[in-house]
Amino acid sequence: MREMYDIIKKYIVTEKSATVKDEYNKYIFEVDRRANKIEIGNAVEKLFKVKIVDVHIMNVVGKKKRVGKILGKKRDWKKAIITLAPGNVIEIFSGV
């Protein structure tokens, strides 16, 4: 079994994530690519002591990048959108 800190890698800070957090009480995280919805939900509940309602996950394919003649690719990663129950807030990200 993986640790909670290995499953949740970081909070995604963008304009869209801030809007979704304020309007719909949803938080967006980068998570381990091998984690499933149940593991992600349990990790968020234990780490931040909140009640979750729903977990959506998506695999993000890395974009191809070119620098001169060299063609490269950014890494693939997994994103999780966590919906919290009404009245629950993750205090760490309230000022972000």
C-alpha atoms as a PDB file:
ATOM      1  CA  MET A   1       0.000   0.000   0.000  1.00  0.00           C
ATOM      2  CA  ARG A   2       1.325   3.417  -0.951  1.00  0.00           C
ATOM      3  CA  GLU A   3       1.578   6.293   1.475  1.00  0.00           C
ATOM      4  CA  MET A   4      -0.828   9.250   1.254  1.00  0.00           C
ATOM      5  CA  TYR A   5       2.060  11.599   0.484  1.00  0.00           C
ATOM      6  CA  ASP A   6       3.099   9.445  -2.479  1.00  0.00           C
ATOM      7  CA  ILE A   7      -0.402   9.529  -3.986  1.00  0.00           C
ATOM      8  CA  ILE A   8      -1.068  13.297  -3.762  1.00  0.00           C
ATOM      9  CA  LYS A   9       1.868  15.063  -5.412  1.00  0.00           C
ATOM     10  CA  LYS A  10       0.840  18.728  -5.605  1.00  0.00           C
ATOM     11  CA  TYR A  11      -2.045  21.180  -5.822  1.00  0.00           C
ATOM     12  CA  ILE A  12      -2.569  22.654  -9.287  1.00  0.00           C
ATOM     13  CA  VAL A  13      -2.658  26.471  -9.130  1.00  0.00           C
ATOM     14  CA  THR A  14      -4.220  28.033 -12.224  1.00  0.00           C
ATOM     15  CA  GLU A  15      -6.920  30.583 -12.917  1.00  0.00           C
ATOM     16  CA  LYS A  16      -9.388  27.836 -13.727  1.00  0.00           C
ATOM     17  CA  SER A  17      -8.598  25.881 -10.544  1.00  0.00           C
ATOM     18  CA  ALA A  18      -9.136  29.019  -8.450  1.00  0.00           C
ATOM     19  CA  THR A  19     -12.492  29.655 -10.125  1.00  0.00           C
ATOM     20  CA  VAL A  20     -13.650  26.058  -9.716  1.00  0.00           C
ATOM     21  CA  LYS A  21     -12.539  26.074  -6.064  1.00  0.00           C
ATOM     22  CA  ASP A  22     -14.504  29.229  -5.270  1.00  0.00           C
ATOM     23  CA  GLU A  23     -17.669  28.403  -7.215  1.00  0.00           C
ATOM     24  CA  TYR A  24     -18.035  24.619  -6.932  1.00  0.00           C
ATOM     25  CA  ASN A  25     -15.839  23.651  -3.948  1.00  0.00           C
ATOM     26  CA  LYS A  26     -13.595  21.484  -6.176  1.00  0.00           C
ATOM     27  CA  TYR A  27      -9.845  21.103  -5.790  1.00  0.00           C
ATOM     28  CA  ILE A  28      -7.432  19.969  -8.504  1.00  0.00           C
ATOM     29  CA  PHE A  29      -4.357  17.871  -7.671  1.00  0.00           C
ATOM     30  CA  GLU A  30      -1.579  16.163  -9.560  1.00  0.00           C
ATOM     31  CA  VAL A  31      -1.565  12.548  -8.384  1.00  0.00           C
ATOM     32  CA  ASP A  32       0.453   9.376  -8.851  1.00  0.00           C
ATOM     33  CA  ARG A  33      -0.239   7.775 -12.241  1.00  0.00           C
ATOM     34  CA  ARG A  34      -0.847   4.354 -10.660  1.00  0.00           C
ATOM     35  CA  ALA A  35      -3.425   5.600  -8.115  1.00  0.00           C
ATOM     36  CA  ASN A  36      -7.140   4.916  -8.543  1.00  0.00           C
ATOM     37  CA  LYS A  37     -10.164   6.941  -7.430  1.00  0.00           C
ATOM     38  CA  ILE A  38     -10.577   5.136  -4.119  1.00  0.00           C
ATOM     39  CA  GLU A  39      -6.930   5.603  -3.102  1.00  0.00           C
ATOM     40  CA  ILE A  40      -6.995   9.275  -4.117  1.00  0.00           C
ATOM     41  CA  GLY A  41     -10.224   9.948  -2.207  1.00  0.00           C
ATOM     42  CA  ASN A  42      -8.965   8.224   0.950  1.00  0.00           C
ATOM     43  CA  ALA A  43      -5.643  10.094   0.781  1.00  0.00           C
ATOM     44  CA  VAL A  44      -7.364  13.506   0.493  1.00  0.00           C
ATOM     45  CA  GLU A  45      -9.763  12.719   3.345  1.00  0.00           C
ATOM     46  CA  LYS A  46      -6.939  11.624   5.666  1.00  0.00           C
ATOM     47  CA  LEU A  47      -4.463  14.364   4.729  1.00  0.00           C
ATOM     48  CA  PHE A  48      -6.819  17.336   4.929  1.00  0.00           C
ATOM     49  CA  LYS A  49      -9.530  15.910   7.251  1.00  0.00           C
ATOM     50  CA  VAL A  50     -12.437  16.743   4.944  1.00  0.00           C
ATOM     51  CA  LYS A  51     -15.414  14.828   3.559  1.00  0.00           C
ATOM     52  CA  ILE A  52     -15.322  14.229  -0.198  1.00  0.00           C
ATOM     53  CA  VAL A  53     -18.336  13.717  -2.433  1.00  0.00           C
ATOM     54  CA  ASP A  54     -16.768  12.800  -5.763  1.00  0.00           C
ATOM     55  CA  VAL A  55     -13.443  12.129  -7.481  1.00  0.00           C
ATOM     56  CA  HIS A  56     -12.808  12.596 -11.200  1.00  0.00           C
ATOM     57  CA  ILE A  57      -9.481  11.592 -12.696  1.00  0.00           C
ATOM     58  CA  MET A  58      -7.918  12.125 -16.086  1.00  0.00           C
ATOM     59  CA  ASN A  59      -4.648  11.184 -17.728  1.00  0.00           C
ATOM     60  CA  VAL A  60      -2.916  14.198 -19.242  1.00  0.00           C
ATOM     61  CA  VAL A  61      -0.726  13.421 -22.241  1.00  0.00           C
ATOM     62  CA  GLY A  62       2.504  15.425 -22.394  1.00  0.00           C
ATOM     63  CA  LYS A  63       2.894  17.831 -25.300  1.00  0.00           C
ATOM     64  CA  LYS A  64       5.571  17.462 -27.940  1.00  0.00           C
ATOM     65  CA  LYS A  65       8.166  20.238 -27.840  1.00  0.00           C
ATOM     66  CA  ARG A  66      10.843  21.173 -30.340  1.00  0.00           C
ATOM     67  CA  VAL A  67      14.074  23.040 -29.638  1.00  0.00           C
ATOM     68  CA  GLY A  68      15.852  23.529 -32.955  1.00  0.00           C
ATOM     69  CA  LYS A  69      16.280  20.130 -34.574  1.00  0.00           C
ATOM     70  CA  ILE A  70      15.700  18.213 -31.365  1.00  0.00           C
ATOM     71  CA  LEU A  71      12.180  16.895 -30.804  1.00  0.00           C
ATOM     72  CA  GLY A  72      11.205  16.131 -27.219  1.00  0.00           C
ATOM     73  CA  LYS A  73       8.128  15.468 -25.155  1.00  0.00           C
ATOM     74  CA  LYS A  74       6.884  16.662 -21.783  1.00  0.00           C
ATOM     75  CA  ARG A  75       5.984  13.990 -19.274  1.00  0.00           C
ATOM     76  CA  ASP A  76       2.562  12.367 -19.002  1.00  0.00           C
ATOM     77  CA  TRP A  77       0.737  12.869 -15.688  1.00  0.00           C
ATOM     78  CA  LYS A  78      -2.573  12.237 -13.937  1.00  0.00           C
ATOM     79  CA  LYS A  79      -4.949  14.921 -12.673  1.00  0.00           C
ATOM     80  CA  ALA A  80      -7.653  14.470 -10.021  1.00  0.00           C
ATOM     81  CA  ILE A  81     -10.597  16.807  -9.463  1.00  0.00           C
ATOM     82  CA  ILE A  82     -11.913  16.378  -5.915  1.00  0.00           C
ATOM     83  CA  THR A  83     -15.412  17.603  -5.000  1.00  0.00           C
ATOM     84  CA  LEU A  84     -15.833  18.311  -1.293  1.00  0.00           C
ATOM     85  CA  ALA A  85     -19.071  18.095   0.674  1.00  0.00           C
ATOM     86  CA  PRO A  86     -20.825  21.426   1.326  1.00  0.00           C
ATOM     87  CA  GLY A  87     -19.279  23.255   4.257  1.00  0.00           C
ATOM     88  CA  ASN A  88     -15.882  21.547   3.918  1.00  0.00           C
ATOM     89  CA  VAL A  89     -12.879  23.640   2.939  1.00  0.00           C
ATOM     90  CA  ILE A  90      -9.186  22.822   2.699  1.00  0.00           C
ATOM     91  CA  GLU A  91      -7.718  25.648   4.787  1.00  0.00           C
ATOM     92  CA  ILE A  92      -4.226  25.463   3.287  1.00  0.00           C
ATOM     93  CA  PHE A  93      -5.494  26.568  -0.131  1.00  0.00           C
ATOM     94  CA  SER A  94      -8.024  29.186   1.004  1.00  0.00           C
ATOM     95  CA  GLY A  95      -5.617  32.066   0.298  1.00  0.00           C
ATOM     96  CA  VAL A  96      -4.393  30.699  -3.047  1.00  0.00           C
END
